[in-house]
């Protein structure tokens, strides 16, 4: 008994020392859920993370982990953001490499598993139509599950695809029995990503899949919305100024065409109205056979409605 008392504190001291080192020396932490994950599976992930990318897995009691995090919050205050996620069956993956690459390695090791009665289905389970290899004497078993079958060459064949179990539902004993008879292992288990901690920021692992193009698209979408709001309320911002200047330029060109007051930027519009045929050479080759009269048709509309001048999408 005395030996056990000495061993337990030694293990705690070793765990605290290891977790303290990792918390203070690694900037990225993946909090992972370890439900239904065995030690052999964890060992495979550890081996993969010894290469590139490199990471370290640490499992342990949540109480000890919270105590260790609180101990180092004075030195590294941003660690407080990890505390809400230290619950249930979780562990930590520490790395200073690209978190997406580490995430992909962690999720790559999965083990197929049979369904268990009373367990919650993590995914939908469907049984394909076709032969089952089971003898006709077991037809009643399928009838109890409302599965349409027929006998083909002395074996039971399922007529249509069957949505046997829906994600989130409890697995029944009869469903387990059927999957066992068909030798189907519908589920697979591995580490799951609860959240990602990086330099004090906490975010979902799905953000790791965003590309530079996605970020630019989201940024410009926000800029466009800001510009629209600024223009609507009449409050100038850096996002709305280009549109404001474009609108002002349109107005100046319209005034210039109406009053014959010339300025350099409006000169090309005056030249076009004065001699539309001179601009015919700029049209596509397919339109070169068009007559000058046909080219001049839009000009008549411009003379009557100067405000509709096309400025190339400036507004």
Protein backbone atom coordinates (compact mmCIF):
# COMPACT_ATOMS: atom_id res chain seq x y z
CA UNK A 1 0.00 0.00 0.00
CA UNK A 2 2.87 2.33 0.80
CA UNK A 3 4.39 1.61 -2.62
CA UNK A 4 1.13 2.62 -4.36
CA UNK A 5 1.06 5.90 -2.41
CA UNK A 6 4.57 6.66 -3.58
CA UNK A 7 3.81 5.74 -7.21
CA UNK A 8 0.68 7.89 -7.52
CA UNK A 9 2.31 11.20 -6.50
CA UNK A 10 5.25 10.37 -8.79
CA UNK A 11 2.87 9.96 -11.73
CA UNK A 12 1.14 13.22 -10.89
CA UNK A 13 4.44 15.06 -10.66
CA UNK A 14 5.54 13.60 -14.01
CA UNK A 15 2.22 14.57 -15.66
CA UNK A 16 2.34 18.13 -14.27
CA UNK A 17 5.92 18.57 -15.43
CA UNK A 18 5.15 17.27 -18.93
CA UNK A 19 1.95 19.32 -19.32
CA UNK A 20 3.67 22.45 -17.97
CA UNK A 21 6.47 22.10 -20.51
CA UNK A 22 4.04 21.62 -23.39
CA UNK A 23 1.76 24.52 -22.38
CA UNK A 24 4.67 26.95 -22.14
CA UNK A 25 6.58 25.85 -25.24
CA UNK A 26 3.88 25.15 -27.80
CA UNK A 27 1.66 27.78 -29.39
CA UNK A 28 -1.01 25.51 -30.87
CA UNK A 29 -3.18 23.01 -29.00
CA UNK A 30 -5.80 20.77 -30.56
CA UNK A 31 -8.32 19.67 -27.94
CA UNK A 32 -9.45 16.20 -29.03
CA UNK A 33 -12.29 13.93 -27.93
CA UNK A 34 -11.24 10.33 -27.30
CA UNK A 35 -14.53 8.44 -26.99
CA UNK A 36 -14.22 4.78 -28.05
CA UNK A 37 -10.51 5.24 -28.83
CA UNK A 38 -8.14 2.53 -27.61
CA UNK A 39 -4.51 2.77 -26.53
CA UNK A 40 -3.29 0.97 -29.68
CA UNK A 41 -5.02 3.57 -31.85
CA UNK A 42 -3.46 6.41 -29.85
CA UNK A 43 -0.05 4.81 -30.26
CA UNK A 44 -0.44 4.76 -34.06
CA UNK A 45 -1.23 8.49 -34.02
CA UNK A 46 1.75 9.18 -31.77
CA UNK A 47 4.05 7.38 -34.21
CA UNK A 48 2.70 9.36 -37.17
CA UNK A 49 3.20 12.66 -35.31
CA UNK A 50 6.87 11.91 -34.76
CA UNK A 51 7.47 12.72 -38.42
CA UNK A 52 6.35 15.78 -40.34
CA UNK A 53 4.19 17.48 -39.12
CA UNK A 54 5.33 16.95 -35.56
CA UNK A 55 3.03 16.89 -32.57
CA UNK A 56 2.63 15.41 -29.11
CA UNK A 57 -0.46 13.77 -27.61
CA UNK A 58 -1.10 14.02 -23.90
CA UNK A 59 -4.04 12.39 -22.15
CA UNK A 60 -4.85 12.65 -18.46
CA UNK A 61 -7.40 13.49 -15.80
CA UNK A 62 -9.34 16.69 -16.42
CA UNK A 63 -8.93 17.87 -12.82
CA UNK A 64 -5.16 17.65 -13.06
CA UNK A 65 -5.17 19.38 -16.45
CA UNK A 66 -7.30 22.27 -15.15
CA UNK A 67 -5.06 22.69 -12.10
CA UNK A 68 -1.97 22.79 -14.29
CA UNK A 69 -3.51 25.34 -16.68
CA UNK A 70 -4.56 27.59 -13.78
CA UNK A 71 -1.06 27.35 -12.33
CA UNK A 72 0.47 28.84 -15.48
CA UNK A 73 -2.21 31.44 -16.23
CA UNK A 74 -0.25 34.12 -14.38
CA UNK A 75 2.67 33.51 -16.73
CA UNK A 76 0.54 32.93 -19.84
CA UNK A 77 -2.94 34.48 -19.28
CA UNK A 78 -4.33 33.37 -22.64
CA UNK A 79 -4.33 29.76 -21.41
CA UNK A 80 -7.59 30.58 -19.60
CA UNK A 81 -9.40 30.12 -22.92
CA UNK A 82 -8.60 26.40 -22.79
CA UNK A 83 -10.41 25.81 -19.48
CA UNK A 84 -14.01 25.63 -20.83
CA UNK A 85 -13.00 22.75 -23.12
CA UNK A 86 -11.40 20.59 -20.43
CA UNK A 87 -14.39 18.35 -19.86
CA UNK A 88 -15.59 14.86 -20.70
CA UNK A 89 -13.16 12.43 -22.34
CA UNK A 90 -10.63 14.79 -23.93
CA UNK A 91 -6.91 15.02 -24.56
CA UNK A 92 -4.43 17.52 -26.01
CA UNK A 93 -2.33 17.52 -29.18
CA UNK A 94 0.49 20.09 -28.98
CA UNK A 95 2.34 21.37 -32.04
CA UNK A 96 4.26 24.31 -33.46
CA UNK A 97 3.73 23.10 -37.04
CA UNK A 98 0.86 23.83 -39.40
CA UNK A 99 -2.30 22.95 -37.40
CA UNK A 100 -4.20 21.79 -40.49
CA UNK A 101 -1.56 19.19 -41.30
CA UNK A 102 -1.57 17.95 -37.69
CA UNK A 103 -5.38 17.87 -37.70
CA UNK A 104 -5.38 15.71 -40.84
CA UNK A 105 -2.95 13.24 -39.28
CA UNK A 106 -5.01 12.99 -36.10
CA UNK A 107 -8.22 12.33 -38.01
CA UNK A 108 -6.64 9.85 -40.45
CA UNK A 109 -6.43 6.97 -37.95
CA UNK A 110 -9.88 5.47 -37.59
CA UNK A 111 -10.93 1.95 -36.65
CA UNK A 112 -14.10 0.27 -38.01
CA UNK A 113 -16.47 -0.85 -35.29
CA UNK A 114 -19.65 -2.90 -35.06
CA UNK A 115 -22.86 -1.32 -33.81
CA UNK A 116 -23.71 -1.80 -30.13
CA UNK A 117 -27.20 -1.84 -28.69
CA UNK A 118 -28.03 1.37 -26.85
CA UNK A 119 -25.21 3.36 -28.44
CA UNK A 120 -25.92 6.62 -30.25
CA UNK A 121 -25.31 6.36 -33.98
CA UNK A 122 -22.61 8.84 -35.10
CA UNK A 123 -23.66 8.51 -38.77
CA UNK A 124 -26.59 7.28 -40.86
CA UNK A 125 -26.53 3.56 -41.61
CA UNK A 126 -27.98 2.29 -44.89
CA UNK A 127 -28.17 -1.30 -46.14
CA UNK A 128 -27.86 -1.59 -49.92
CA UNK A 129 -30.31 -3.56 -52.01
CA UNK A 130 -29.12 -6.94 -53.23
CA UNK A 131 -28.37 -10.49 -52.09
CA UNK A 132 -27.66 -11.13 -48.42
CA UNK A 133 -26.45 -14.73 -48.58
CA UNK A 134 -28.92 -15.67 -45.83
CA UNK A 135 -31.21 -18.70 -46.15
CA UNK A 136 -35.00 -18.30 -46.64
CA UNK A 137 -35.67 -19.48 -43.09
CA UNK A 138 -34.69 -16.01 -41.81
CA UNK A 139 -37.28 -14.09 -43.83
CA UNK A 140 -39.33 -13.43 -40.67
CA UNK A 141 -36.36 -11.57 -39.22
CA UNK A 142 -36.46 -9.04 -42.08
CA UNK A 143 -40.24 -8.79 -41.87
CA UNK A 144 -39.97 -7.74 -38.21
CA UNK A 145 -37.83 -4.80 -39.35
CA UNK A 146 -40.23 -3.95 -42.21
CA UNK A 147 -37.59 -4.74 -44.85
CA UNK A 148 -38.98 -5.93 -48.18
CA UNK A 149 -37.22 -9.07 -49.49
CA UNK A 150 -37.57 -11.85 -52.02
CA UNK A 151 -36.04 -15.30 -52.46
CA UNK A 152 -33.59 -15.56 -55.34
CA UNK A 153 -31.72 -18.82 -55.96
CA UNK A 154 -32.37 -20.08 -52.46
CA UNK A 155 -31.16 -16.91 -50.68
CA UNK A 156 -32.80 -13.75 -49.33
CA UNK A 157 -32.38 -10.63 -51.41
CA UNK A 158 -33.25 -7.11 -50.21
CA UNK A 159 -35.42 -5.32 -52.75
CA UNK A 160 -34.63 -1.67 -51.93
CA UNK A 161 -31.96 0.25 -50.07
CA UNK A 162 -32.88 0.45 -46.38
CA UNK A 163 -32.17 3.47 -44.17
CA UNK A 164 -31.71 1.34 -41.07
CA UNK A 165 -30.34 3.80 -38.49
CA UNK A 166 -30.42 7.58 -38.49
CA UNK A 167 -27.62 9.69 -37.07
CA UNK A 168 -28.23 10.59 -33.44
CA UNK A 169 -30.71 7.76 -32.80
CA UNK A 170 -30.17 4.92 -30.34
CA UNK A 171 -29.20 1.60 -31.91
CA UNK A 172 -31.69 -1.18 -31.11
CA UNK A 173 -30.85 -4.83 -30.43
CA UNK A 174 -32.64 -6.01 -33.59
CA UNK A 175 -30.64 -3.56 -35.73
CA UNK A 176 -27.42 -4.82 -34.14
CA UNK A 177 -28.47 -8.41 -34.87
CA UNK A 178 -29.21 -7.63 -38.52
CA UNK A 179 -25.91 -5.82 -39.05
CA UNK A 180 -24.12 -8.73 -37.41
CA UNK A 181 -25.81 -11.27 -39.72
CA UNK A 182 -24.83 -9.16 -42.73
CA UNK A 183 -21.28 -8.74 -41.38
CA UNK A 184 -21.52 -4.96 -41.59
CA UNK A 185 -19.45 -2.70 -39.33
CA UNK A 186 -21.15 0.65 -39.94
CA UNK A 187 -19.24 2.87 -37.56
CA UNK A 188 -15.63 3.96 -37.25
CA UNK A 189 -14.01 5.63 -34.28
CA UNK A 190 -11.03 7.88 -33.84
CA UNK A 191 -9.96 11.12 -32.23
CA UNK A 192 -12.27 14.05 -32.95
CA UNK A 193 -11.33 17.73 -32.89
CA UNK A 194 -13.21 19.66 -30.21
CA UNK A 195 -11.50 23.01 -30.78
CA UNK A 196 -8.21 24.59 -31.83
CA UNK A 197 -6.23 26.93 -29.58
CA UNK A 198 -3.59 29.03 -31.33
CA UNK A 199 -1.66 31.85 -29.63
CA UNK A 200 -4.63 32.72 -27.41
CA UNK A 201 -7.27 32.41 -30.17
CA UNK A 202 -9.85 29.62 -29.99
CA UNK A 203 -11.74 28.50 -33.09
CA UNK A 204 -13.40 25.49 -34.71
CA UNK A 205 -11.30 23.09 -36.76
CA UNK A 206 -13.43 23.77 -39.86
CA UNK A 207 -11.68 27.15 -40.18
CA UNK A 208 -8.46 25.30 -40.97
CA UNK A 209 -9.95 24.37 -44.34
CA UNK A 210 -10.32 28.01 -45.42
CA UNK A 211 -7.99 28.92 -48.29
CA UNK A 212 -6.49 32.31 -49.07
CA UNK A 213 -9.10 32.71 -51.82
CA UNK A 214 -11.88 32.04 -49.29
CA UNK A 215 -10.49 34.68 -46.92
CA UNK A 216 -10.17 37.25 -49.70
CA UNK A 217 -13.71 36.52 -50.86
CA UNK A 218 -15.09 37.00 -47.34
CA UNK A 219 -13.06 40.20 -46.90
CA UNK A 220 -14.26 41.79 -50.14
CA UNK A 221 -17.82 40.71 -49.42
CA UNK A 222 -17.59 42.63 -46.14
CA UNK A 223 -16.07 45.65 -47.91
CA UNK A 224 -18.90 45.66 -50.44
CA UNK A 225 -21.52 45.58 -47.69
CA UNK A 226 -19.77 48.37 -45.81
CA UNK A 227 -19.63 50.48 -48.97
CA UNK A 228 -23.34 49.89 -49.63
CA UNK A 229 -24.31 50.94 -46.10
CA UNK A 230 -22.04 54.01 -46.25
CA UNK A 231 -23.58 55.14 -49.54
CA UNK A 232 -27.12 54.52 -48.29
CA UNK A 233 -26.72 56.61 -45.14
CA UNK A 234 -24.48 59.25 -46.72
CA UNK A 235 -21.57 58.61 -44.38
CA UNK A 236 -18.22 58.52 -46.27
CA UNK A 237 -15.76 55.72 -45.55
CA UNK A 238 -12.65 54.41 -47.29
CA UNK A 239 -14.79 51.62 -48.76
CA UNK A 240 -17.37 54.01 -50.24
CA UNK A 241 -15.03 56.78 -51.52
CA UNK A 242 -14.24 55.07 -54.89
CA UNK A 243 -17.97 54.78 -55.59
CA UNK A 244 -18.56 58.37 -54.49
CA UNK A 245 -15.81 59.64 -56.82
CA UNK A 246 -17.17 57.51 -59.68
CA UNK A 247 -20.64 58.97 -59.15
CA UNK A 248 -19.27 62.50 -59.06
CA UNK A 249 -17.34 61.86 -62.28
CA UNK A 250 -20.52 60.67 -63.98
CA UNK A 251 -22.27 63.86 -62.97
CA UNK A 252 -19.41 66.01 -64.23
CA UNK A 253 -19.37 64.25 -67.60
CA UNK A 254 -23.14 64.65 -67.92
CA UNK A 255 -22.86 68.40 -67.16
CA UNK A 256 -19.97 68.75 -69.61
CA UNK A 257 -21.93 67.09 -72.42
CA UNK A 258 -24.97 69.21 -71.70
CA UNK A 259 -23.20 72.57 -71.41
CA UNK A 260 -20.21 72.00 -73.73
CA UNK A 261 -17.87 72.90 -70.88
CA UNK A 262 -14.77 70.84 -71.64
CA UNK A 263 -12.26 69.13 -69.36
CA UNK A 264 -9.65 66.58 -70.24
CA UNK A 265 -11.27 63.43 -68.79
CA UNK A 266 -14.58 64.18 -70.58
CA UNK A 267 -13.02 64.86 -73.97
CA UNK A 268 -13.32 61.26 -75.22
CA UNK A 269 -17.08 61.39 -74.65
CA UNK A 270 -17.34 64.61 -76.67
CA UNK A 271 -15.24 63.02 -79.43
CA UNK A 272 -17.49 59.98 -79.53
CA UNK A 273 -20.66 62.03 -79.84
CA UNK A 274 -19.09 64.24 -82.50
CA UNK A 275 -17.84 61.35 -84.67
CA UNK A 276 -19.14 57.90 -83.66
CA UNK A 277 -17.73 56.34 -86.84
CA UNK A 278 -14.16 57.05 -85.69
CA UNK A 279 -14.64 54.54 -82.88
CA UNK A 280 -15.88 51.74 -85.15
CA UNK A 281 -12.35 50.29 -85.46
CA UNK A 282 -12.42 49.48 -81.74
CA UNK A 283 -15.40 47.15 -82.22
CA UNK A 284 -14.84 43.35 -82.54
CA UNK A 285 -13.80 42.05 -85.96
CA UNK A 286 -17.17 40.36 -86.34
CA UNK A 287 -18.81 43.78 -86.40
CA UNK A 288 -16.41 45.43 -88.86
CA UNK A 289 -18.88 44.98 -91.69
CA UNK A 290 -21.49 47.06 -89.88
CA UNK A 291 -22.22 50.41 -91.44
CA UNK A 292 -21.37 53.69 -89.75
CA UNK A 293 -25.06 54.38 -89.48
CA UNK A 294 -25.53 51.21 -87.41
CA UNK A 295 -22.63 52.19 -85.14
CA UNK A 296 -24.09 55.63 -84.68
CA UNK A 297 -27.46 54.35 -83.49
CA UNK A 298 -26.49 54.22 -79.77
CA UNK A 299 -25.17 57.78 -80.06
CA UNK A 300 -28.64 59.11 -80.74
CA UNK A 301 -29.77 57.73 -77.41
CA UNK A 302 -26.73 59.25 -75.69
CA UNK A 303 -27.57 62.70 -77.13
CA UNK A 304 -31.09 62.48 -75.78
CA UNK A 305 -30.26 60.81 -72.46
CA UNK A 306 -26.77 61.89 -71.39
CA UNK A 307 -27.31 60.43 -67.92
CA UNK A 308 -27.29 56.93 -69.38
CA UNK A 309 -23.71 57.14 -70.66
CA UNK A 310 -21.87 53.87 -70.03
CA UNK A 311 -18.77 54.65 -67.97
CA UNK A 312 -17.54 51.09 -67.92
CA UNK A 313 -19.06 50.04 -64.59
CA UNK A 314 -17.70 52.93 -62.56
CA UNK A 315 -20.92 53.20 -60.58
